[in-house]
């Protein structure tokens, strides 16, 4: 039960880290400072969809790593796996 608030804080931190990671990744991959947004009038499908896929993958990987790391830390500290 105590893990819930910790998990929420970790989730917010993961979101911020994932956002920064995606910006760096996009700059490296596309050479642009900002990824195209779906509602950009001049955006092209071939730019918008890969940007969205990379962003989704980045967020999922960072979130999984943070959640898993948090669960392992709680298990080591308490001897119980968080639920």
C-alpha atoms as a PDB file:
ATOM      1  CA  UNK A   1       0.000   0.000   0.000  1.00  0.00           C
ATOM      2  CA  UNK A   2       2.865   2.377   0.716  1.00  0.00           C
ATOM      3  CA  UNK A   3       4.240   1.745  -2.740  1.00  0.00           C
ATOM      4  CA  UNK A   4       1.303   3.470  -4.470  1.00  0.00           C
ATOM      5  CA  UNK A   5       2.381   7.069  -3.678  1.00  0.00           C
ATOM      6  CA  UNK A   6       6.005   6.197  -4.401  1.00  0.00           C
ATOM      7  CA  UNK A   7       4.935   4.614  -7.678  1.00  0.00           C
ATOM      8  CA  UNK A   8       3.038   7.765  -8.620  1.00  0.00           C
ATOM      9  CA  UNK A   9       6.088   9.941  -7.946  1.00  0.00           C
ATOM     10  CA  UNK A  10       8.260   7.552  -9.931  1.00  0.00           C
ATOM     11  CA  UNK A  11       5.742   7.693 -12.769  1.00  0.00           C
ATOM     12  CA  UNK A  12       5.910  11.485 -12.908  1.00  0.00           C
ATOM     13  CA  UNK A  13       9.691  11.388 -12.845  1.00  0.00           C
ATOM     14  CA  UNK A  14       9.664   8.747 -15.594  1.00  0.00           C
ATOM     15  CA  UNK A  15       7.477  11.000 -17.737  1.00  0.00           C
ATOM     16  CA  UNK A  16       9.916  13.882 -17.425  1.00  0.00           C
ATOM     17  CA  UNK A  17      12.924  11.668 -18.135  1.00  0.00           C
ATOM     18  CA  UNK A  18      11.169  10.079 -21.103  1.00  0.00           C
ATOM     19  CA  UNK A  19      10.311  13.498 -22.525  1.00  0.00           C
ATOM     20  CA  UNK A  20      13.928  14.616 -22.327  1.00  0.00           C
ATOM     21  CA  UNK A  21      15.152  11.299 -23.750  1.00  0.00           C
ATOM     22  CA  UNK A  22      12.738  11.556 -26.675  1.00  0.00           C
ATOM     23  CA  UNK A  23      13.829  15.113 -27.480  1.00  0.00           C
ATOM     24  CA  UNK A  24      17.477  14.033 -27.585  1.00  0.00           C
ATOM     25  CA  UNK A  25      16.650  10.931 -29.599  1.00  0.00           C
ATOM     26  CA  UNK A  26      14.602  12.886 -32.121  1.00  0.00           C
ATOM     27  CA  UNK A  27      17.347  15.474 -32.520  1.00  0.00           C
ATOM     28  CA  UNK A  28      19.844  12.676 -33.157  1.00  0.00           C
ATOM     29  CA  UNK A  29      17.615  10.697 -35.533  1.00  0.00           C
ATOM     30  CA  UNK A  30      15.958  13.497 -37.477  1.00  0.00           C
ATOM     31  CA  UNK A  31      18.402  16.343 -36.963  1.00  0.00           C
ATOM     32  CA  UNK A  32      15.540  18.592 -35.870  1.00  0.00           C
ATOM     33  CA  UNK A  33      14.992  20.209 -32.479  1.00  0.00           C
ATOM     34  CA  UNK A  34      11.272  19.442 -32.353  1.00  0.00           C
ATOM     35  CA  UNK A  35       9.287  16.455 -33.536  1.00  0.00           C
ATOM     36  CA  UNK A  36       6.338  17.116 -35.849  1.00  0.00           C
ATOM     37  CA  UNK A  37       2.974  17.277 -34.143  1.00  0.00           C
ATOM     38  CA  UNK A  38      -0.099  15.480 -35.523  1.00  0.00           C
ATOM     39  CA  UNK A  39      -2.007  18.751 -35.888  1.00  0.00           C
ATOM     40  CA  UNK A  40       0.776  20.609 -37.719  1.00  0.00           C
ATOM     41  CA  UNK A  41      -0.811  21.938 -40.883  1.00  0.00           C
ATOM     42  CA  UNK A  42       2.276  21.267 -42.975  1.00  0.00           C
ATOM     43  CA  UNK A  43       3.185  17.996 -41.280  1.00  0.00           C
ATOM     44  CA  UNK A  44       3.635  14.932 -43.452  1.00  0.00           C
ATOM     45  CA  UNK A  45       2.438  11.461 -42.558  1.00  0.00           C
ATOM     46  CA  UNK A  46       5.914  10.055 -43.185  1.00  0.00           C
ATOM     47  CA  UNK A  47       7.290  12.418 -40.512  1.00  0.00           C
ATOM     48  CA  UNK A  48       4.468  12.409 -37.969  1.00  0.00           C
ATOM     49  CA  UNK A  49       3.924   8.644 -37.659  1.00  0.00           C
ATOM     50  CA  UNK A  50       7.574   7.681 -37.070  1.00  0.00           C
ATOM     51  CA  UNK A  51       7.880  10.515 -34.535  1.00  0.00           C
ATOM     52  CA  UNK A  52       4.820   9.230 -32.678  1.00  0.00           C
ATOM     53  CA  UNK A  53       6.113   5.641 -32.751  1.00  0.00           C
ATOM     54  CA  UNK A  54       9.522   6.667 -31.412  1.00  0.00           C
ATOM     55  CA  UNK A  55       7.918   8.794 -28.707  1.00  0.00           C
ATOM     56  CA  UNK A  56       5.611   5.964 -27.629  1.00  0.00           C
ATOM     57  CA  UNK A  57       8.449   3.455 -27.540  1.00  0.00           C
ATOM     58  CA  UNK A  58      10.652   5.834 -25.559  1.00  0.00           C
ATOM     59  CA  UNK A  59       7.950   6.471 -22.965  1.00  0.00           C
ATOM     60  CA  UNK A  60       7.138   2.759 -22.643  1.00  0.00           C
ATOM     61  CA  UNK A  61      10.769   1.719 -22.178  1.00  0.00           C
ATOM     62  CA  UNK A  62      11.523   4.444 -19.625  1.00  0.00           C
ATOM     63  CA  UNK A  63       8.308   3.736 -17.717  1.00  0.00           C
ATOM     64  CA  UNK A  64       9.013  -0.008 -17.604  1.00  0.00           C
ATOM     65  CA  UNK A  65      12.585   0.573 -16.429  1.00  0.00           C
ATOM     66  CA  UNK A  66      11.493   2.969 -13.683  1.00  0.00           C
ATOM     67  CA  UNK A  67       8.620   0.754 -12.499  1.00  0.00           C
ATOM     68  CA  UNK A  68      10.805  -2.342 -12.476  1.00  0.00           C
ATOM     69  CA  UNK A  69      13.623  -0.540 -10.680  1.00  0.00           C
ATOM     70  CA  UNK A  70      11.200   0.789  -8.078  1.00  0.00           C
ATOM     71  CA  UNK A  71       9.697  -2.639  -7.486  1.00  0.00           C
ATOM     72  CA  UNK A  72      13.141  -4.200  -7.074  1.00  0.00           C
ATOM     73  CA  UNK A  73      14.178  -1.460  -4.639  1.00  0.00           C
ATOM     74  CA  UNK A  74      11.036  -2.009  -2.538  1.00  0.00           C
ATOM     75  CA  UNK A  75      11.588  -5.776  -2.592  1.00  0.00           C
ATOM     76  CA  UNK A  76      15.175  -5.374  -1.418  1.00  0.00           C
ATOM     77  CA  UNK A  77      14.160  -2.929   1.316  1.00  0.00           C
ATOM     78  CA  UNK A  78      11.122  -4.822   2.625  1.00  0.00           C
ATOM     79  CA  UNK A  79      11.458  -8.391   1.407  1.00  0.00           C
ATOM     80  CA  UNK A  80       8.046  -8.103  -0.254  1.00  0.00           C
ATOM     81  CA  UNK A  81       7.192  -7.520  -3.879  1.00  0.00           C
ATOM     82  CA  UNK A  82       4.894  -4.496  -4.291  1.00  0.00           C
ATOM     83  CA  UNK A  83       1.410  -5.116  -5.604  1.00  0.00           C
END
